Amino acid sequence: GGSLRLSCAASGRTLSTSGMGWFRQAPGEEREFVAAINWRSGSIYY
């Protein structure tokens, strides 16, 4: 029921970035998609 906020700071050749995503991996499970944002348009996916 609680909350957390994750941050991801990018550096380097960031002008080439088209989108950024969050993924997660639980023990014994495959890495899975969580959320993403199109860096240029702002479109969001969950």
ModelCIF file with pLDDT and N, C-alpha, C, O atoms, coordinates in Angstrom:
data_MODEL
#
_entry.id   MODEL 
#
_entity.id                         1 
_entity.type                       polymer 
_entity.pdbx_number_of_molecules   1 
#
_entity_poly.entity_id                      1 
_entity_poly.type                           'polypeptide(L)' 
_entity_poly.nstd_linkage                   no 
_entity_poly.nstd_monomer                   no 
_entity_poly.pdbx_seq_one_letter_code       GGSLRLSCAASGRTLSTSGMGWFRQAPGEEREFVAAINWRSGSIYY 
_entity_poly.pdbx_seq_one_letter_code_can   GGSLRLSCAASGRTLSTSGMGWFRQAPGEEREFVAAINWRSGSIYY 
_entity_poly.pdbx_strand_id                 A 
#
loop_
_entity_poly_seq.entity_id 
_entity_poly_seq.num 
_entity_poly_seq.mon_id 
_entity_poly_seq.hetero 
1 1  GLY n 
1 2  GLY n 
1 3  SER n 
1 4  LEU n 
1 5  ARG n 
1 6  LEU n 
1 7  SER n 
1 8  CYS n 
1 9  ALA n 
1 10 ALA n 
1 11 SER n 
1 12 GLY n 
1 13 ARG n 
1 14 THR n 
1 15 LEU n 
1 16 SER n 
1 17 THR n 
1 18 SER n 
1 19 GLY n 
1 20 MET n 
1 21 GLY n 
1 22 TRP n 
1 23 PHE n 
1 24 ARG n 
1 25 GLN n 
1 26 ALA n 
1 27 PRO n 
1 28 GLY n 
1 29 GLU n 
1 30 GLU n 
1 31 ARG n 
1 32 GLU n 
1 33 PHE n 
1 34 VAL n 
1 35 ALA n 
1 36 ALA n 
1 37 ILE n 
1 38 ASN n 
1 39 TRP n 
1 40 ARG n 
1 41 SER n 
1 42 GLY n 
1 43 SER n 
1 44 ILE n 
1 45 TYR n 
1 46 TYR n 
#
_struct_asym.id          A 
_struct_asym.entity_id   1 
#
loop_
_ma_qa_metric.id 
_ma_qa_metric.mode 
_ma_qa_metric.name 
_ma_qa_metric.software_group_id 
_ma_qa_metric.type 
1 global pLDDT . pLDDT 
2 local  pLDDT . pLDDT 
#
_ma_qa_metric_global.metric_id      1 
_ma_qa_metric_global.metric_value   95.52 
_ma_qa_metric_global.model_id       1 
_ma_qa_metric_global.ordinal_id     1 
#
loop_
_ma_qa_metric_local.label_asym_id 
_ma_qa_metric_local.label_comp_id 
_ma_qa_metric_local.label_seq_id 
_ma_qa_metric_local.metric_id 
_ma_qa_metric_local.metric_value 
_ma_qa_metric_local.model_id 
_ma_qa_metric_local.ordinal_id 
A GLY 1  2 98.00 1 1  
A GLY 2  2 98.00 1 2  
A SER 3  2 98.00 1 3  
A LEU 4  2 98.00 1 4  
A ARG 5  2 98.00 1 5  
A LEU 6  2 98.00 1 6  
A SER 7  2 98.00 1 7  
A CYS 8  2 98.00 1 8  
A ALA 9  2 97.00 1 9  
A ALA 10 2 96.00 1 10 
A SER 11 2 93.00 1 11 
A GLY 12 2 92.00 1 12 
A ARG 13 2 88.00 1 13 
A THR 14 2 86.00 1 14 
A LEU 15 2 84.00 1 15 
A SER 16 2 87.00 1 16 
A THR 17 2 90.00 1 17 
A SER 18 2 93.00 1 18 
A GLY 19 2 96.00 1 19 
A MET 20 2 97.00 1 20 
A GLY 21 2 98.00 1 21 
A TRP 22 2 98.00 1 22 
A PHE 23 2 98.00 1 23 
A ARG 24 2 98.00 1 24 
A GLN 25 2 98.00 1 25 
A ALA 26 2 97.00 1 26 
A PRO 27 2 93.00 1 27 
A GLY 28 2 95.00 1 28 
A GLU 29 2 97.00 1 29 
A GLU 30 2 97.00 1 30 
A ARG 31 2 98.00 1 31 
A GLU 32 2 98.00 1 32 
A PHE 33 2 98.00 1 33 
A VAL 34 2 98.00 1 34 
A ALA 35 2 98.00 1 35 
A ALA 36 2 98.00 1 36 
A ILE 37 2 97.00 1 37 
A ASN 38 2 96.00 1 38 
A TRP 39 2 93.00 1 39 
A ARG 40 2 90.00 1 40 
A SER 41 2 93.00 1 41 
A GLY 42 2 94.00 1 42 
A SER 43 2 97.00 1 43 
A ILE 44 2 98.00 1 44 
A TYR 45 2 98.00 1 45 
A TYR 46 2 98.00 1 46 
#
loop_
_atom_site.group_PDB 
_atom_site.id 
_atom_site.type_symbol 
_atom_site.label_atom_id 
_atom_site.label_alt_id 
_atom_site.label_comp_id 
_atom_site.label_asym_id 
_atom_site.label_entity_id 
_atom_site.label_seq_id 
_atom_site.pdbx_PDB_ins_code 
_atom_site.Cartn_x 
_atom_site.Cartn_y 
_atom_site.Cartn_z 
_atom_site.occupancy 
_atom_site.B_iso_or_equiv 
_atom_site.pdbx_formal_charge 
_atom_site.auth_seq_id 
_atom_site.auth_comp_id 
_atom_site.auth_asym_id 
_atom_site.auth_atom_id 
_atom_site.pdbx_PDB_model_num 
ATOM 1   N N  . GLY A 1 1  ? 0.796  -1.214  0.000   1.00 98.00 ? 1  GLY A N  1 
ATOM 2   C CA . GLY A 1 1  ? 0.000  0.000   0.000   1.00 98.00 ? 1  GLY A CA 1 
ATOM 3   C C  . GLY A 1 1  ? 0.832  1.270   0.000   1.00 98.00 ? 1  GLY A C  1 
ATOM 4   O O  . GLY A 1 1  ? 0.306  2.363   -0.206  1.00 98.00 ? 1  GLY A O  1 
ATOM 5   N N  . GLY A 1 2  ? 2.127  1.128   0.230   1.00 98.00 ? 2  GLY A N  1 
ATOM 6   C CA . GLY A 1 2  ? 3.002  2.283   0.276   1.00 98.00 ? 2  GLY A CA 1 
ATOM 7   C C  . GLY A 1 2  ? 3.461  2.726   -1.095  1.00 98.00 ? 2  GLY A C  1 
ATOM 8   O O  . GLY A 1 2  ? 3.014  2.209   -2.119  1.00 98.00 ? 2  GLY A O  1 
ATOM 9   N N  . SER A 1 3  ? 4.369  3.699   -1.094  1.00 98.00 ? 3  SER A N  1 
ATOM 10  C CA . SER A 1 3  ? 4.848  4.303   -2.337  1.00 98.00 ? 3  SER A CA 1 
ATOM 11  C C  . SER A 1 3  ? 6.365  4.404   -2.348  1.00 98.00 ? 3  SER A C  1 
ATOM 12  O O  . SER A 1 3  ? 7.007  4.501   -1.302  1.00 98.00 ? 3  SER A O  1 
ATOM 13  N N  . LEU A 1 4  ? 6.914  4.381   -3.533  1.00 98.00 ? 4  LEU A N  1 
ATOM 14  C CA . LEU A 1 4  ? 8.331  4.638   -3.765  1.00 98.00 ? 4  LEU A CA 1 
ATOM 15  C C  . LEU A 1 4  ? 8.456  5.378   -5.085  1.00 98.00 ? 4  LEU A C  1 
ATOM 16  O O  . LEU A 1 4  ? 7.606  5.240   -5.965  1.00 98.00 ? 4  LEU A O  1 
ATOM 17  N N  . ARG A 1 5  ? 9.514  6.162   -5.222  1.00 98.00 ? 5  ARG A N  1 
ATOM 18  C CA . ARG A 1 5  ? 9.800  6.804   -6.500  1.00 98.00 ? 5  ARG A CA 1 
ATOM 19  C C  . ARG A 1 5  ? 11.215 6.452   -6.926  1.00 98.00 ? 5  ARG A C  1 
ATOM 20  O O  . ARG A 1 5  ? 12.180 6.664   -6.191  1.00 98.00 ? 5  ARG A O  1 
ATOM 21  N N  . LEU A 1 6  ? 11.313 5.915   -8.116  1.00 98.00 ? 6  LEU A N  1 
ATOM 22  C CA . LEU A 1 6  ? 12.601 5.602   -8.717  1.00 98.00 ? 6  LEU A CA 1 
ATOM 23  C C  . LEU A 1 6  ? 13.005 6.722   -9.670  1.00 98.00 ? 6  LEU A C  1 
ATOM 24  O O  . LEU A 1 6  ? 12.165 7.332   -10.331 1.00 98.00 ? 6  LEU A O  1 
ATOM 25  N N  . SER A 1 7  ? 14.297 6.975   -9.725  1.00 98.00 ? 7  SER A N  1 
ATOM 26  C CA . SER A 1 7  ? 14.840 7.963   -10.653 1.00 98.00 ? 7  SER A CA 1 
ATOM 27  C C  . SER A 1 7  ? 15.911 7.308   -11.509 1.00 98.00 ? 7  SER A C  1 
ATOM 28  O O  . SER A 1 7  ? 16.611 6.398   -11.064 1.00 98.00 ? 7  SER A O  1 
ATOM 29  N N  . CYS A 1 8  ? 16.028 7.776   -12.731 1.00 98.00 ? 8  CYS A N  1 
ATOM 30  C CA . CYS A 1 8  ? 17.052 7.270   -13.644 1.00 98.00 ? 8  CYS A CA 1 
ATOM 31  C C  . CYS A 1 8  ? 17.633 8.469   -14.384 1.00 98.00 ? 8  CYS A C  1 
ATOM 32  O O  . CYS A 1 8  ? 16.969 9.077   -15.223 1.00 98.00 ? 8  CYS A O  1 
ATOM 33  N N  . ALA A 1 9  ? 18.868 8.795   -14.064 1.00 97.00 ? 9  ALA A N  1 
ATOM 34  C CA . ALA A 1 9  ? 19.531 9.942   -14.675 1.00 97.00 ? 9  ALA A CA 1 
ATOM 35  C C  . ALA A 1 9  ? 20.428 9.476   -15.812 1.00 97.00 ? 9  ALA A C  1 
ATOM 36  O O  . ALA A 1 9  ? 21.269 8.594   -15.633 1.00 97.00 ? 9  ALA A O  1 
ATOM 37  N N  . ALA A 1 10 ? 20.242 10.073  -16.973 1.00 96.00 ? 10 ALA A N  1 
ATOM 38  C CA . ALA A 1 10 ? 21.028 9.709   -18.151 1.00 96.00 ? 10 ALA A CA 1 
ATOM 39  C C  . ALA A 1 10 ? 22.105 10.748  -18.402 1.00 96.00 ? 10 ALA A C  1 
ATOM 40  O O  . ALA A 1 10 ? 21.900 11.944  -18.195 1.00 96.00 ? 10 ALA A O  1 
ATOM 41  N N  . SER A 1 11 ? 23.245 10.272  -18.849 1.00 93.00 ? 11 SER A N  1 
ATOM 42  C CA . SER A 1 11 ? 24.339 11.163  -19.227 1.00 93.00 ? 11 SER A CA 1 
ATOM 43  C C  . SER A 1 11 ? 25.043 10.584  -20.449 1.00 93.00 ? 11 SER A C  1 
ATOM 44  O O  . SER A 1 11 ? 24.830 9.427   -20.813 1.00 93.00 ? 11 SER A O  1 
ATOM 45  N N  . GLY A 1 12 ? 25.869 11.389  -21.064 1.00 92.00 ? 12 GLY A N  1 
ATOM 46  C CA . GLY A 1 12 ? 26.570 10.952  -22.271 1.00 92.00 ? 12 GLY A CA 1 
ATOM 47  C C  . GLY A 1 12 ? 25.834 11.422  -23.508 1.00 92.00 ? 12 GLY A C  1 
ATOM 48  O O  . GLY A 1 12 ? 25.373 12.563  -23.567 1.00 92.00 ? 12 GLY A O  1 
ATOM 49  N N  . ARG A 1 13 ? 25.723 10.558  -24.488 1.00 88.00 ? 13 ARG A N  1 
ATOM 50  C CA . ARG A 1 13 ? 25.113 10.915  -25.774 1.00 88.00 ? 13 ARG A CA 1 
ATOM 51  C C  . ARG A 1 13 ? 23.598 10.794  -25.718 1.00 88.00 ? 13 ARG A C  1 
ATOM 52  O O  . ARG A 1 13 ? 22.996 9.985   -26.424 1.00 88.00 ? 13 ARG A O  1 
ATOM 53  N N  . THR A 1 14 ? 23.003 11.603  -24.877 1.00 86.00 ? 14 THR A N  1 
ATOM 54  C CA . THR A 1 14 ? 21.564 11.499  -24.634 1.00 86.00 ? 14 THR A CA 1 
ATOM 55  C C  . THR A 1 14 ? 20.721 12.002  -25.801 1.00 86.00 ? 14 THR A C  1 
ATOM 56  O O  . THR A 1 14 ? 19.535 11.681  -25.883 1.00 86.00 ? 14 THR A O  1 
ATOM 57  N N  . LEU A 1 15 ? 21.303 12.778  -26.696 1.00 84.00 ? 15 LEU A N  1 
ATOM 58  C CA . LEU A 1 15 ? 20.526 13.274  -27.834 1.00 84.00 ? 15 LEU A CA 1 
ATOM 59  C C  . LEU A 1 15 ? 20.047 12.154  -28.737 1.00 84.00 ? 15 LEU A C  1 
ATOM 60  O O  . LEU A 1 15 ? 19.103 12.327  -29.507 1.00 84.00 ? 15 LEU A O  1 
ATOM 61  N N  . SER A 1 16 ? 20.708 10.994  -28.639 1.00 87.00 ? 16 SER A N  1 
ATOM 62  C CA . SER A 1 16 ? 20.323 9.855   -29.472 1.00 87.00 ? 16 SER A CA 1 
ATOM 63  C C  . SER A 1 16 ? 19.174 9.050   -28.872 1.00 87.00 ? 16 SER A C  1 
ATOM 64  O O  . SER A 1 16 ? 18.684 8.107   -29.494 1.00 87.00 ? 16 SER A O  1 
ATOM 65  N N  . THR A 1 17 ? 18.746 9.414   -27.678 1.00 90.00 ? 17 THR A N  1 
ATOM 66  C CA . THR A 1 17 ? 17.707 8.637   -26.985 1.00 90.00 ? 17 THR A CA 1 
ATOM 67  C C  . THR A 1 17 ? 16.332 8.886   -27.605 1.00 90.00 ? 17 THR A C  1 
ATOM 68  O O  . THR A 1 17 ? 15.911 10.032  -27.761 1.00 90.00 ? 17 THR A O  1 
ATOM 69  N N  . SER A 1 18 ? 15.647 7.817   -27.953 1.00 93.00 ? 18 SER A N  1 
ATOM 70  C CA . SER A 1 18 ? 14.295 7.934   -28.489 1.00 93.00 ? 18 SER A CA 1 
ATOM 71  C C  . SER A 1 18 ? 13.248 7.590   -27.438 1.00 93.00 ? 18 SER A C  1 
ATOM 72  O O  . SER A 1 18 ? 12.104 8.034   -27.529 1.00 93.00 ? 18 SER A O  1 
ATOM 73  N N  . GLY A 1 19 ? 13.634 6.804   -26.447 1.00 96.00 ? 19 GLY A N  1 
ATOM 74  C CA . GLY A 1 19 ? 12.694 6.433   -25.404 1.00 96.00 ? 19 GLY A CA 1 
ATOM 75  C C  . GLY A 1 19 ? 13.406 5.827   -24.215 1.00 96.00 ? 19 GLY A C  1 
ATOM 76  O O  . GLY A 1 19 ? 14.536 5.350   -24.318 1.00 96.00 ? 19 GLY A O  1 
ATOM 77  N N  . MET A 1 20 ? 12.727 5.856   -23.092 1.00 97.00 ? 20 MET A N  1 
ATOM 78  C CA . MET A 1 20 ? 13.288 5.243   -21.884 1.00 97.00 ? 20 MET A CA 1 
ATOM 79  C C  . MET A 1 20 ? 12.226 4.393   -21.231 1.00 97.00 ? 20 MET A C  1 
ATOM 80  O O  . MET A 1 20 ? 11.045 4.741   -21.223 1.00 97.00 ? 20 MET A O  1 
ATOM 81  N N  . GLY A 1 21 ? 12.659 3.273   -20.683 1.00 98.00 ? 21 GLY A N  1 
ATOM 82  C CA . GLY A 1 21 ? 11.714 2.343   -20.101 1.00 98.00 ? 21 GLY A CA 1 
ATOM 83  C C  . GLY A 1 21 ? 12.170 1.834   -18.749 1.00 98.00 ? 21 GLY A C  1 
ATOM 84  O O  . GLY A 1 21 ? 13.346 1.897   -18.392 1.00 98.00 ? 21 GLY A O  1 
ATOM 85  N N  . TRP A 1 22 ? 11.204 1.331   -18.018 1.00 98.00 ? 22 TRP A N  1 
ATOM 86  C CA . TRP A 1 22 ? 11.458 0.647   -16.757 1.00 98.00 ? 22 TRP A CA 1 
ATOM 87  C C  . TRP A 1 22 ? 11.064 -0.822  -16.920 1.00 98.00 ? 22 TRP A C  1 
ATOM 88  O O  . TRP A 1 22 ? 10.013 -1.147  -17.474 1.00 98.00 ? 22 TRP A O  1 
ATOM 89  N N  . PHE A 1 23 ? 11.919 -1.677  -16.433 1.00 98.00 ? 23 PHE A N  1 
ATOM 90  C CA . PHE A 1 23 ? 11.671 -3.113  -16.444 1.00 98.00 ? 23 PHE A CA 1 
ATOM 91  C C  . PHE A 1 23 ? 11.929 -3.641  -15.037 1.00 98.00 ? 23 PHE A C  1 
ATOM 92  O O  . PHE A 1 23 ? 12.550 -2.961  -14.220 1.00 98.00 ? 23 PHE A O  1 
ATOM 93  N N  . ARG A 1 24 ? 11.457 -4.839  -14.756 1.00 98.00 ? 24 ARG A N  1 
ATOM 94  C CA . ARG A 1 24 ? 11.734 -5.430  -13.449 1.00 98.00 ? 24 ARG A CA 1 
ATOM 95  C C  . ARG A 1 24 ? 11.912 -6.934  -13.590 1.00 98.00 ? 24 ARG A C  1 
ATOM 96  O O  . ARG A 1 24 ? 11.420 -7.562  -14.528 1.00 98.00 ? 24 ARG A O  1 
ATOM 97  N N  . GLN A 1 25 ? 12.631 -7.484  -12.625 1.00 98.00 ? 25 GLN A N  1 
ATOM 98  C CA . GLN A 1 25 ? 12.892 -8.912  -12.643 1.00 98.00 ? 25 GLN A CA 1 
ATOM 99  C C  . GLN A 1 25 ? 12.812 -9.457  -11.228 1.00 98.00 ? 25 GLN A C  1 
ATOM 100 O O  . GLN A 1 25 ? 13.607 -9.102  -10.358 1.00 98.00 ? 25 GLN A O  1 
ATOM 101 N N  . ALA A 1 26 ? 11.842 -10.320 -11.022 1.00 97.00 ? 26 ALA A N  1 
ATOM 102 C CA . ALA A 1 26 ? 11.685 -10.987 -9.734  1.00 97.00 ? 26 ALA A CA 1 
ATOM 103 C C  . ALA A 1 26 ? 12.533 -12.253 -9.725  1.00 97.00 ? 26 ALA A C  1 
ATOM 104 O O  . ALA A 1 26 ? 12.871 -12.771 -10.790 1.00 97.00 ? 26 ALA A O  1 
ATOM 105 N N  . PRO A 1 27 ? 12.881 -12.759 -8.552  1.00 93.00 ? 27 PRO A N  1 
ATOM 106 C CA . PRO A 1 27 ? 13.698 -13.969 -8.475  1.00 93.00 ? 27 PRO A CA 1 
ATOM 107 C C  . PRO A 1 27 ? 13.064 -15.126 -9.237  1.00 93.00 ? 27 PRO A C  1 
ATOM 108 O O  . PRO A 1 27 ? 11.889 -15.441 -9.049  1.00 93.00 ? 27 PRO A O  1 
ATOM 109 N N  . GLY A 1 28 ? 13.848 -15.746 -10.088 1.00 95.00 ? 28 GLY A N  1 
ATOM 110 C CA . GLY A 1 28 ? 13.375 -16.897 -10.846 1.00 95.00 ? 28 GLY A CA 1 
ATOM 111 C C  . GLY A 1 28 ? 12.478 -16.561 -12.011 1.00 95.00 ? 28 GLY A C  1 
ATOM 112 O O  . GLY A 1 28 ? 11.954 -17.452 -12.680 1.00 95.00 ? 28 GLY A O  1 
ATOM 113 N N  . GLU A 1 29 ? 12.297 -15.257 -12.258 1.00 97.00 ? 29 GLU A N  1 
ATOM 114 C CA . GLU A 1 29 ? 11.406 -14.834 -13.335 1.00 97.00 ? 29 GLU A CA 1 
ATOM 115 C C  . GLU A 1 29 ? 12.205 -14.112 -14.425 1.00 97.00 ? 29 GLU A C  1 
ATOM 116 O O  . GLU A 1 29 ? 13.344 -13.695 -14.217 1.00 97.00 ? 29 GLU A O  1 
ATOM 117 N N  . GLU A 1 30 ? 11.574 -13.982 -15.583 1.00 97.00 ? 30 GLU A N  1 
ATOM 118 C CA . GLU A 1 30 ? 12.197 -13.219 -16.657 1.00 97.00 ? 30 GLU A CA 1 
ATOM 119 C C  . GLU A 1 30 ? 11.994 -11.723 -16.409 1.00 97.00 ? 30 GLU A C  1 
ATOM 120 O O  . GLU A 1 30 ? 11.062 -11.305 -15.722 1.00 97.00 ? 30 GLU A O  1 
ATOM 121 N N  . ARG A 1 31 ? 12.880 -10.950 -16.979 1.00 98.00 ? 31 ARG A N  1 
ATOM 122 C CA . ARG A 1 31 ? 12.740 -9.500  -16.890 1.00 98.00 ? 31 ARG A CA 1 
ATOM 123 C C  . ARG A 1 31 ? 11.515 -9.086  -17.695 1.00 98.00 ? 31 ARG A C  1 
ATOM 124 O O  . ARG A 1 31 ? 11.318 -9.539  -18.822 1.00 98.00 ? 31 ARG A O  1 
ATOM 125 N N  . GLU A 1 32 ? 10.698 -8.225  -17.107 1.00 98.00 ? 32 GLU A N  1 
ATOM 126 C CA . GLU A 1 32 ? 9.453  -7.838  -17.756 1.00 98.00 ? 32 GLU A CA 1 
ATOM 127 C C  . GLU A 1 32 ? 9.305  -6.329  -17.843 1.00 98.00 ? 32 GLU A C  1 
ATOM 128 O O  . GLU A 1 32 ? 9.852  -5.574  -17.039 1.00 98.00 ? 32 GLU A O  1 
ATOM 129 N N  . PHE A 1 33 ? 8.552  -5.926  -18.840 1.00 98.00 ? 33 PHE A N  1 
ATOM 130 C CA . PHE A 1 33 ? 8.274  -4.515  -19.080 1.00 98.00 ? 33 PHE A CA 1 
ATOM 131 C C  . PHE A 1 33 ? 7.351  -3.955  -17.993 1.00 98.00 ? 33 PHE A C  1 
ATOM 132 O O  . PHE A 1 33 ? 6.416  -4.627  -17.556 1.00 98.00 ? 33 PHE A O  1 
ATOM 133 N N  . VAL A 1 34 ? 7.622  -2.725  -17.564 1.00 98.00 ? 34 VAL A N  1 
ATOM 134 C CA . VAL A 1 34 ? 6.788  -2.048  -16.583 1.00 98.00 ? 34 VAL A CA 1 
ATOM 135 C C  . VAL A 1 34 ? 6.158  -0.787  -17.177 1.00 98.00 ? 34 VAL A C  1 
ATOM 136 O O  . VAL A 1 34 ? 4.936  -0.641  -17.188 1.00 98.00 ? 34 VAL A O  1 
ATOM 137 N N  . ALA A 1 35 ? 6.995  0.110   -17.665 1.00 98.00 ? 35 ALA A N  1 
ATOM 138 C CA . ALA A 1 35 ? 6.501  1.382   -18.192 1.00 98.00 ? 35 ALA A CA 1 
ATOM 139 C C  . ALA A 1 35 ? 7.547  1.975   -19.127 1.00 98.00 ? 35 ALA A C  1 
ATOM 140 O O  . ALA A 1 35 ? 8.733  1.655   -19.040 1.00 98.00 ? 35 ALA A O  1 
ATOM 141 N N  . ALA A 1 36 ? 7.089  2.843   -20.020 1.00 98.00 ? 36 ALA A N  1 
ATOM 142 C CA . ALA A 1 36 ? 8.006  3.468   -20.962 1.00 98.00 ? 36 ALA A CA 1 
ATOM 143 C C  . ALA A 1 36 ? 7.481  4.823   -21.383 1.00 98.00 ? 36 ALA A C  1 
ATOM 144 O O  . ALA A 1 36 ? 6.283  5.095   -21.313 1.00 98.00 ? 36 ALA A O  1 
ATOM 145 N N  . ILE A 1 37 ? 8.406  5.673   -21.824 1.00 97.00 ? 37 ILE A N  1 
ATOM 146 C CA . ILE A 1 37 ? 8.031  6.991   -22.298 1.00 97.00 ? 37 ILE A CA 1 
ATOM 147 C C  . ILE A 1 37 ? 8.836  7.324   -23.543 1.00 97.00 ? 37 ILE A C  1 
ATOM 148 O O  . ILE A 1 37 ? 10.055 7.155   -23.578 1.00 97.00 ? 37 ILE A O  1 
ATOM 149 N N  . ASN A 1 38 ? 8.138  7.797   -24.557 1.00 96.00 ? 38 ASN A N  1 
ATOM 150 C CA . ASN A 1 38 ? 8.804  8.273   -25.768 1.00 96.00 ? 38 ASN A CA 1 
ATOM 151 C C  . ASN A 1 38 ? 9.445  9.617   -25.435 1.00 96.00 ? 38 ASN A C  1 
ATOM 152 O O  . ASN A 1 38 ? 8.766  10.584  -25.092 1.00 96.00 ? 38 ASN A O  1 
ATOM 153 N N  . TRP A 1 39 ? 10.757 9.647   -25.545 1.00 93.00 ? 39 TRP A N  1 
ATOM 154 C CA . TRP A 1 39 ? 11.471 10.834  -25.076 1.00 93.00 ? 39 TRP A CA 1 
ATOM 155 C C  . TRP A 1 39 ? 11.116 12.070  -25.887 1.00 93.00 ? 39 TRP A C  1 
ATOM 156 O O  . TRP A 1 39 ? 11.140 13.185  -25.366 1.00 93.00 ? 39 TRP A O  1 
ATOM 157 N N  . ARG A 1 40 ? 10.786 11.876  -27.164 1.00 90.00 ? 40 ARG A N  1 
ATOM 158 C CA . ARG A 1 40 ? 10.509 13.023  -28.033 1.00 90.00 ? 40 ARG A CA 1 
ATOM 159 C C  . ARG A 1 40 ? 9.053  13.453  -27.972 1.00 90.00 ? 40 ARG A C  1 
ATOM 160 O O  . ARG A 1 40 ? 8.770  14.646  -27.861 1.00 90.00 ? 40 ARG A O  1 
ATOM 161 N N  . SER A 1 41 ? 8.124  12.510  -28.042 1.00 93.00 ? 41 SER A N  1 
ATOM 162 C CA . SER A 1 41 ? 6.711  12.868  -28.098 1.00 93.00 ? 41 SER A CA 1 
ATOM 163 C C  . SER A 1 41 ? 6.051  12.920  -26.734 1.00 93.00 ? 41 SER A C  1 
ATOM 164 O O  . SER A 1 41 ? 5.028  13.580  -26.555 1.00 93.00 ? 41 SER A O  1 
ATOM 165 N N  . GLY A 1 42 ? 6.644  12.215  -25.765 1.00 94.00 ? 42 GLY A N  1 
ATOM 166 C CA . GLY A 1 42 ? 6.025  12.128  -24.451 1.00 94.00 ? 42 GLY A CA 1 
ATOM 167 C C  . GLY A 1 42 ? 4.988  11.037  -24.320 1.00 94.00 ? 42 GLY A C  1 
ATOM 168 O O  . GLY A 1 42 ? 4.380  10.898  -23.259 1.00 94.00 ? 42 GLY A O  1 
ATOM 169 N N  . SER A 1 43 ? 4.767  10.261  -25.361 1.00 97.00 ? 43 SER A N  1 
ATOM 170 C CA . SER A 1 43 ? 3.805  9.167   -25.273 1.00 97.00 ? 43 SER A CA 1 
ATOM 171 C C  . SER A 1 43 ? 4.241  8.195   -24.177 1.00 97.00 ? 43 SER A C  1 
ATOM 172 O O  . SER A 1 43 ? 5.426  7.916   -23.993 1.00 97.00 ? 43 SER A O  1 
ATOM 173 N N  . ILE A 1 44 ? 3.246  7.696   -23.464 1.00 98.00 ? 44 ILE A N  1 
ATOM 174 C CA . ILE A 1 44 ? 3.507  6.856   -22.298 1.00 98.00 ? 44 ILE A CA 1 
ATOM 175 C C  . ILE A 1 44 ? 2.832  5.502   -22.466 1.00 98.00 ? 44 ILE A C  1 
ATOM 176 O O  . ILE A 1 44 ? 1.751  5.395   -23.045 1.00 98.00 ? 44 ILE A O  1 
ATOM 177 N N  . TYR A 1 45 ? 3.489  4.474   -21.951 1.00 98.00 ? 45 TYR A N  1 
ATOM 178 C CA . TYR A 1 45 ? 2.986  3.110   -22.051 1.00 98.00 ? 45 TYR A CA 1 
ATOM 179 C C  . TYR A 1 45 ? 3.176  2.413   -20.705 1.00 98.00 ? 45 TYR A C  1 
ATOM 180 O O  . TYR A 1 45 ? 4.167  2.636   -20.010 1.00 98.00 ? 45 TYR A O  1 
ATOM 181 N N  . TYR A 1 46 ? 2.211  1.570   -20.352 1.00 98.00 ? 46 TYR A N  1 
ATOM 182 C CA . TYR A 1 46 ? 2.283  0.832   -19.093 1.00 98.00 ? 46 TYR A CA 1 
ATOM 183 C C  . TYR A 1 46 ? 1.939  -0.635  -19.308 1.00 98.00 ? 46 TYR A C  1 
ATOM 184 O O  . TYR A 1 46 ? 1.947  -1.417  -18.357 1.00 98.00 ? 46 TYR A O  1 
#
